[in-house]
Amino acid sequence: MIHKTWEEGNTIKKIECVHANAKKYIVNRVLTPGKVYDVKNETDEFYFIIDNTGKIGGFFKDYFKEV
C-alpha cells in the first residue's frame, strides 16, 4: 500500500518528457513532450510520476530523459 503515499512523498529526481508516441497505449493525453515531471518512485523499467491528470502514473523510461 506504499503507492498510496507517493503523491505526498519526496521527489527522487526530475525528468523531461521527450515524446508521447506510444506503440501500444495512449499516453499523449497524460504526458506533454517538453514538460518536466517529478519522479516519485522508480523501477528498472518504469518511472512513477504525477502526470497531467494530477494522479500517479507509471510510464516506460524511454519517454523521458533526466534533467
PDB file of N, CA and C in Angstrom:
ATOM      1  N   MET A   1       0.811  -1.202   0.000  1.00  0.00           N
ATOM      2  CA  MET A   1       0.000   0.000   0.000  1.00  0.00           C
ATOM      3  C   MET A   1       0.857   1.270   0.000  1.00  0.00           C
ATOM      4  N   ILE A   2       2.173   1.127  -0.174  1.00  0.00           N
ATOM      5  CA  ILE A   2       3.061   2.288  -0.196  1.00  0.00           C
ATOM      6  C   ILE A   2       2.727   3.241  -1.342  1.00  0.00           C
ATOM      7  N   HIS A   3       2.155   2.730  -2.412  1.00  0.00           N
ATOM      8  CA  HIS A   3       1.823   3.562  -3.562  1.00  0.00           C
ATOM      9  C   HIS A   3       0.772   4.624  -3.247  1.00  0.00           C
ATOM     10  N   LYS A   4       0.039   4.465  -2.162  1.00  0.00           N
ATOM     11  CA  LYS A   4      -0.986   5.443  -1.799  1.00  0.00           C
ATOM     12  C   LYS A   4      -0.391   6.712  -1.196  1.00  0.00           C
ATOM     13  N   THR A   5       0.872   6.680  -0.792  1.00  0.00           N
ATOM     14  CA  THR A   5       1.513   7.848  -0.191  1.00  0.00           C
ATOM     15  C   THR A   5       2.555   8.473  -1.108  1.00  0.00           C
ATOM     16  N   TRP A   6       2.703   8.004  -2.337  1.00  0.00           N
ATOM     17  CA  TRP A   6       3.709   8.540  -3.254  1.00  0.00           C
ATOM     18  C   TRP A   6       3.459  10.003  -3.589  1.00  0.00           C
ATOM     19  N   GLU A   7       2.218  10.423  -3.719  1.00  0.00           N
ATOM     20  CA  GLU A   7       1.933  11.813  -4.087  1.00  0.00           C
ATOM     21  C   GLU A   7       2.495  12.795  -3.068  1.00  0.00           C
ATOM     22  N   GLU A   8       2.449  12.441  -1.788  1.00  0.00           N
ATOM     23  CA  GLU A   8       2.958  13.307  -0.732  1.00  0.00           C
ATOM     24  C   GLU A   8       4.428  13.064  -0.452  1.00  0.00           C
ATOM     25  N   GLY A   9       5.007  12.022  -1.031  1.00  0.00           N
ATOM     26  CA  GLY A   9       6.394  11.655  -0.754  1.00  0.00           C
ATOM     27  C   GLY A   9       7.393  12.585  -1.408  1.00  0.00           C
ATOM     28  N   ASN A  10       8.652  12.335  -1.078  1.00  0.00           N
ATOM     29  CA  ASN A  10       9.736  13.141  -1.619  1.00  0.00           C
ATOM     30  C   ASN A  10       9.927  12.863  -3.116  1.00  0.00           C
ATOM     31  N   THR A  11      10.377  13.868  -3.813  1.00  0.00           N
ATOM     32  CA  THR A  11      10.705  13.723  -5.224  1.00  0.00           C
ATOM     33  C   THR A  11      12.112  13.162  -5.336  1.00  0.00           C
ATOM     34  N   ILE A  12      12.264  12.069  -6.094  1.00  0.00           N
ATOM     35  CA  ILE A  12      13.571  11.429  -6.248  1.00  0.00           C
ATOM     36  C   ILE A  12      14.456  12.233  -7.192  1.00  0.00           C
ATOM     37  N   LYS A  13      13.899  12.613  -8.351  1.00  0.00           N
ATOM     38  CA  LYS A  13      14.614  13.408  -9.344  1.00  0.00           C
ATOM     39  C   LYS A  13      13.605  14.005 -10.301  1.00  0.00           C
ATOM     40  N   LYS A  14      14.096  14.804 -11.222  1.00  0.00           N
ATOM     41  CA  LYS A  14      13.243  15.428 -12.234  1.00  0.00           C
ATOM     42  C   LYS A  14      13.597  14.838 -13.591  1.00  0.00           C
ATOM     43  N   ILE A  15      12.559  14.629 -14.412  1.00  0.00           N
ATOM     44  CA  ILE A  15      12.751  14.100 -15.753  1.00  0.00           C
ATOM     45  C   ILE A  15      11.924  14.927 -16.732  1.00  0.00           C
ATOM     46  N   GLU A  16      12.371  14.940 -17.976  1.00  0.00           N
ATOM     47  CA  GLU A  16      11.662  15.674 -19.018  1.00  0.00           C
ATOM     48  C   GLU A  16      11.106  14.684 -20.029  1.00  0.00           C
ATOM     49  N   CYS A  17       9.864  14.881 -20.408  1.00  0.00           N
ATOM     50  CA  CYS A  17       9.227  14.033 -21.406  1.00  0.00           C
ATOM     51  C   CYS A  17       9.794  14.396 -22.779  1.00  0.00           C
ATOM     52  N   VAL A  18      10.279  13.395 -23.516  1.00  0.00           N
ATOM     53  CA  VAL A  18      10.849  13.660 -24.837  1.00  0.00           C
ATOM     54  C   VAL A  18       9.883  13.320 -25.956  1.00  0.00           C
ATOM     55  N   HIS A  19       8.938  12.423 -25.703  1.00  0.00           N
ATOM     56  CA  HIS A  19       7.913  12.111 -26.705  1.00  0.00           C
ATOM     57  C   HIS A  19       6.739  11.412 -26.034  1.00  0.00           C
ATOM     58  N   ALA A  20       5.610  11.406 -26.707  1.00  0.00           N
ATOM     59  CA  ALA A  20       4.409  10.728 -26.208  1.00  0.00           C
ATOM     60  C   ALA A  20       3.839   9.829 -27.298  1.00  0.00           C
ATOM     61  N   ASN A  21       4.721   9.265 -28.102  1.00  0.00           N
ATOM     62  CA  ASN A  21       4.328   8.392 -29.206  1.00  0.00           C
ATOM     63  C   ASN A  21       4.408   6.937 -28.761  1.00  0.00           C
ATOM     64  N   ALA A  22       3.356   6.445 -28.198  1.00  0.00           N
ATOM     65  CA  ALA A  22       3.333   5.071 -27.716  1.00  0.00           C
ATOM     66  C   ALA A  22       2.861   4.134 -28.810  1.00  0.00           C
ATOM     67  N   LYS A  23       3.439   2.938 -28.835  1.00  0.00           N
ATOM     68  CA  LYS A  23       3.026   1.946 -29.825  1.00  0.00           C
ATOM     69  C   LYS A  23       1.749   1.235 -29.409  1.00  0.00           C
ATOM     70  N   LYS A  24       1.606   1.011 -28.111  1.00  0.00           N
ATOM     71  CA  LYS A  24       0.516   0.167 -27.635  1.00  0.00           C
ATOM     72  C   LYS A  24      -0.538   0.916 -26.821  1.00  0.00           C
ATOM     73  N   TYR A  25      -0.116   1.928 -26.066  1.00  0.00           N
ATOM     74  CA  TYR A  25      -1.022   2.620 -25.154  1.00  0.00           C
ATOM     75  C   TYR A  25      -1.164   4.083 -25.563  1.00  0.00           C
ATOM     76  N   ILE A  26      -2.217   4.733 -25.120  1.00  0.00           N
ATOM     77  CA  ILE A  26      -2.424   6.151 -25.382  1.00  0.00           C
ATOM     78  C   ILE A  26      -1.851   6.934 -24.206  1.00  0.00           C
ATOM     79  N   VAL A  27      -0.729   7.598 -24.434  1.00  0.00           N
ATOM     80  CA  VAL A  27      -0.124   8.390 -23.367  1.00  0.00           C
ATOM     81  C   VAL A  27      -0.100   9.877 -23.690  1.00  0.00           C
ATOM     82  N   ASN A  28      -0.462  10.250 -24.910  1.00  0.00           N
ATOM     83  CA  ASN A  28      -0.405  11.664 -25.270  1.00  0.00           C
ATOM     84  C   ASN A  28      -1.460  12.495 -24.547  1.00  0.00           C
ATOM     85  N   ARG A  29      -2.399  11.859 -23.882  1.00  0.00           N
ATOM     86  CA  ARG A  29      -3.401  12.593 -23.086  1.00  0.00           C
ATOM     87  C   ARG A  29      -2.884  12.947 -21.696  1.00  0.00           C
ATOM     88  N   VAL A  30      -1.860  12.224 -21.227  1.00  0.00           N
ATOM     89  CA  VAL A  30      -1.378  12.433 -19.864  1.00  0.00           C
ATOM     90  C   VAL A  30       0.074  12.875 -19.791  1.00  0.00           C
ATOM     91  N   LEU A  31       0.780  12.871 -20.919  1.00  0.00           N
ATOM     92  CA  LEU A  31       2.161  13.351 -20.965  1.00  0.00           C
ATOM     93  C   LEU A  31       2.279  14.449 -22.009  1.00  0.00           C
ATOM     94  N   THR A  32       3.103  15.450 -21.712  1.00  0.00           N
ATOM     95  CA  THR A  32       3.341  16.544 -22.632  1.00  0.00           C
ATOM     96  C   THR A  32       4.832  16.598 -22.944  1.00  0.00           C
ATOM     97  N   PRO A  33       5.221  16.389 -24.203  1.00  0.00           N
ATOM     98  CA  PRO A  33       6.640  16.492 -24.553  1.00  0.00           C
ATOM     99  C   PRO A  33       7.191  17.873 -24.208  1.00  0.00           C
ATOM    100  N   GLY A  34       8.365  17.881 -23.589  1.00  0.00           N
ATOM    101  CA  GLY A  34       8.998  19.127 -23.161  1.00  0.00           C
ATOM    102  C   GLY A  34       8.705  19.500 -21.720  1.00  0.00           C
ATOM    103  N   LYS A  35       7.707  18.891 -21.116  1.00  0.00           N
ATOM    104  CA  LYS A  35       7.350  19.210 -19.729  1.00  0.00           C
ATOM    105  C   LYS A  35       8.211  18.400 -18.766  1.00  0.00           C
ATOM    106  N   VAL A  36       8.569  19.015 -17.646  1.00  0.00           N
ATOM    107  CA  VAL A  36       9.383  18.367 -16.619  1.00  0.00           C
ATOM    108  C   VAL A  36       8.463  17.818 -15.532  1.00  0.00           C
ATOM    109  N   TYR A  37       8.693  16.561 -15.166  1.00  0.00           N
ATOM    110  CA  TYR A  37       7.880  15.872 -14.168  1.00  0.00           C
ATOM    111  C   TYR A  37       8.743  15.452 -12.980  1.00  0.00           C
ATOM    112  N   ASP A  38       8.115  15.358 -11.803  1.00  0.00           N
ATOM    113  CA  ASP A  38       8.779  14.886 -10.596  1.00  0.00           C
ATOM    114  C   ASP A  38       8.629  13.374 -10.489  1.00  0.00           C
ATOM    115  N   VAL A  39       9.739  12.679 -10.286  1.00  0.00           N
ATOM    116  CA  VAL A  39       9.712  11.224 -10.123  1.00  0.00           C
ATOM    117  C   VAL A  39       9.470  10.909  -8.651  1.00  0.00           C
ATOM    118  N   LYS A  40       8.415  10.156  -8.393  1.00  0.00           N
ATOM    119  CA  LYS A  40       8.077   9.774  -7.026  1.00  0.00           C
ATOM    120  C   LYS A  40       8.581   8.382  -6.674  1.00  0.00           C
ATOM    121  N   ASN A  41       8.734   7.512  -7.682  1.00  0.00           N
ATOM    122  CA  ASN A  41       9.292   6.180  -7.483  1.00  0.00           C
ATOM    123  C   ASN A  41       9.825   5.696  -8.821  1.00  0.00           C
ATOM    124  N   GLU A  42      10.722   4.711  -8.769  1.00  0.00           N
ATOM    125  CA  GLU A  42      11.362   4.235  -9.984  1.00  0.00           C
ATOM    126  C   GLU A  42      11.651   2.741  -9.866  1.00  0.00           C
ATOM    127  N   THR A  43      11.457   2.028 -10.970  1.00  0.00           N
ATOM    128  CA  THR A  43      11.856   0.626 -11.054  1.00  0.00           C
ATOM    129  C   THR A  43      12.811   0.498 -12.240  1.00  0.00           C
ATOM    130  N   ASP A  44      13.178  -0.717 -12.593  1.00  0.00           N
ATOM    131  CA  ASP A  44      14.080  -0.925 -13.721  1.00  0.00           C
ATOM    132  C   ASP A  44      13.473  -0.461 -15.035  1.00  0.00           C
ATOM    133  N   GLU A  45      12.170  -0.588 -15.200  1.00  0.00           N
ATOM    134  CA  GLU A  45      11.509  -0.267 -16.463  1.00  0.00           C
ATOM    135  C   GLU A  45      10.664   1.003 -16.434  1.00  0.00           C
ATOM    136  N   PHE A  46      10.212   1.415 -15.257  1.00  0.00           N
ATOM    137  CA  PHE A  46       9.204   2.475 -15.171  1.00  0.00           C
ATOM    138  C   PHE A  46       9.630   3.621 -14.265  1.00  0.00           C
ATOM    139  N   TYR A  47       9.112   4.817 -14.609  1.00  0.00           N
ATOM    140  CA  TYR A  47       9.098   5.960 -13.708  1.00  0.00           C
ATOM    141  C   TYR A  47       7.666   6.131 -13.246  1.00  0.00           C
ATOM    142  N   PHE A  48       7.472   6.424 -11.975  1.00  0.00           N
ATOM    143  CA  PHE A  48       6.156   6.729 -11.431  1.00  0.00           C
ATOM    144  C   PHE A  48       6.142   8.226 -11.122  1.00  0.00           C
ATOM    145  N   ILE A  49       5.295   8.942 -11.856  1.00  0.00           N
ATOM    146  CA  ILE A  49       5.267  10.398 -11.779  1.00  0.00           C
ATOM    147  C   ILE A  49       3.836  10.871 -11.555  1.00  0.00           C
ATOM    148  N   ILE A  50       3.708  12.141 -11.206  1.00  0.00           N
ATOM    149  CA  ILE A  50       2.390  12.777 -11.195  1.00  0.00           C
ATOM    150  C   ILE A  50       2.196  13.336 -12.599  1.00  0.00           C
ATOM    151  N   ASP A  51       1.287  12.733 -13.352  1.00  0.00           N
ATOM    152  CA  ASP A  51       1.092  13.110 -14.754  1.00  0.00           C
ATOM    153  C   ASP A  51       0.138  14.297 -14.886  1.00  0.00           C
ATOM    154  N   ASN A  52      -0.284  14.596 -16.097  1.00  0.00           N
ATOM    155  CA  ASN A  52      -1.138  15.768 -16.351  1.00  0.00           C
ATOM    156  C   ASN A  52      -2.518  15.664 -15.714  1.00  0.00           C
ATOM    157  N   THR A  53      -2.938  14.474 -15.316  1.00  0.00           N
ATOM    158  CA  THR A  53      -4.232  14.329 -14.644  1.00  0.00           C
ATOM    159  C   THR A  53      -4.147  14.659 -13.164  1.00  0.00           C
ATOM    160  N   GLY A  54      -2.921  14.807 -12.635  1.00  0.00           N
ATOM    161  CA  GLY A  54      -2.730  15.079 -11.223  1.00  0.00           C
ATOM    162  C   GLY A  54      -2.633  13.826 -10.370  1.00  0.00           C
ATOM    163  N   LYS A  55      -2.606  12.667 -11.017  1.00  0.00           N
ATOM    164  CA  LYS A  55      -2.505  11.397 -10.293  1.00  0.00           C
ATOM    165  C   LYS A  55      -1.196  10.709 -10.644  1.00  0.00           C
ATOM    166  N   ILE A  56      -0.818   9.755  -9.810  1.00  0.00           N
ATOM    167  CA  ILE A  56       0.391   8.975 -10.065  1.00  0.00           C
ATOM    168  C   ILE A  56       0.157   8.034 -11.233  1.00  0.00           C
ATOM    169  N   GLY A  57       1.116   8.004 -12.151  1.00  0.00           N
ATOM    170  CA  GLY A  57       1.071   7.084 -13.283  1.00  0.00           C
ATOM    171  C   GLY A  57       2.442   6.483 -13.499  1.00  0.00           C
ATOM    172  N   GLY A  58       2.482   5.255 -13.981  1.00  0.00           N
ATOM    173  CA  GLY A  58       3.732   4.582 -14.287  1.00  0.00           C
ATOM    174  C   GLY A  58       3.949   4.550 -15.783  1.00  0.00           C
ATOM    175  N   PHE A  59       5.125   4.996 -16.222  1.00  0.00           N
ATOM    176  CA  PHE A  59       5.420   5.101 -17.645  1.00  0.00           C
ATOM    177  C   PHE A  59       6.790   4.513 -17.938  1.00  0.00           C
ATOM    178  N   PHE A  60       6.940   3.911 -19.129  1.00  0.00           N
ATOM    179  CA  PHE A  60       8.234   3.393 -19.546  1.00  0.00           C
ATOM    180  C   PHE A  60       9.261   4.510 -19.547  1.00  0.00           C
ATOM    181  N   LYS A  61      10.495   4.162 -19.227  1.00  0.00           N
ATOM    182  CA  LYS A  61      11.560   5.150 -19.146  1.00  0.00           C
ATOM    183  C   LYS A  61      11.935   5.757 -20.491  1.00  0.00           C
ATOM    184  N   ASP A  62      11.583   5.085 -21.583  1.00  0.00           N
ATOM    185  CA  ASP A  62      12.000   5.616 -22.889  1.00  0.00           C
ATOM    186  C   ASP A  62      11.223   6.866 -23.313  1.00  0.00           C
ATOM    187  N   TYR A  63      10.221   7.273 -22.571  1.00  0.00           N
ATOM    188  CA  TYR A  63       9.507   8.520 -22.851  1.00  0.00           C
ATOM    189  C   TYR A  63      10.230   9.748 -22.266  1.00  0.00           C
ATOM    190  N   PHE A  64      11.275   9.532 -21.475  1.00  0.00           N
ATOM    191  CA  PHE A  64      11.870  10.607 -20.685  1.00  0.00           C
ATOM    192  C   PHE A  64      13.385  10.655 -20.809  1.00  0.00           C
ATOM    193  N   LYS A  65      13.921  11.810 -20.400  1.00  0.00           N
ATOM    194  CA  LYS A  65      15.359  11.961 -20.180  1.00  0.00           C
ATOM    195  C   LYS A  65      15.528  12.715 -18.867  1.00  0.00           C
ATOM    196  N   GLU A  66      16.630  12.451 -18.200  1.00  0.00           N
ATOM    197  CA  GLU A  66      16.891  13.119 -16.919  1.00  0.00           C
ATOM    198  C   GLU A  66      17.364  14.536 -17.167  1.00  0.00           C
ATOM    199  N   VAL A  67      16.958  15.443 -16.273  1.00  0.00           N
ATOM    200  CA  VAL A  67      17.399  16.838 -16.385  1.00  0.00           C
ATOM    201  C   VAL A  67      18.358  17.180 -15.267  1.00  0.00           C
TER     202      VAL A  67
END
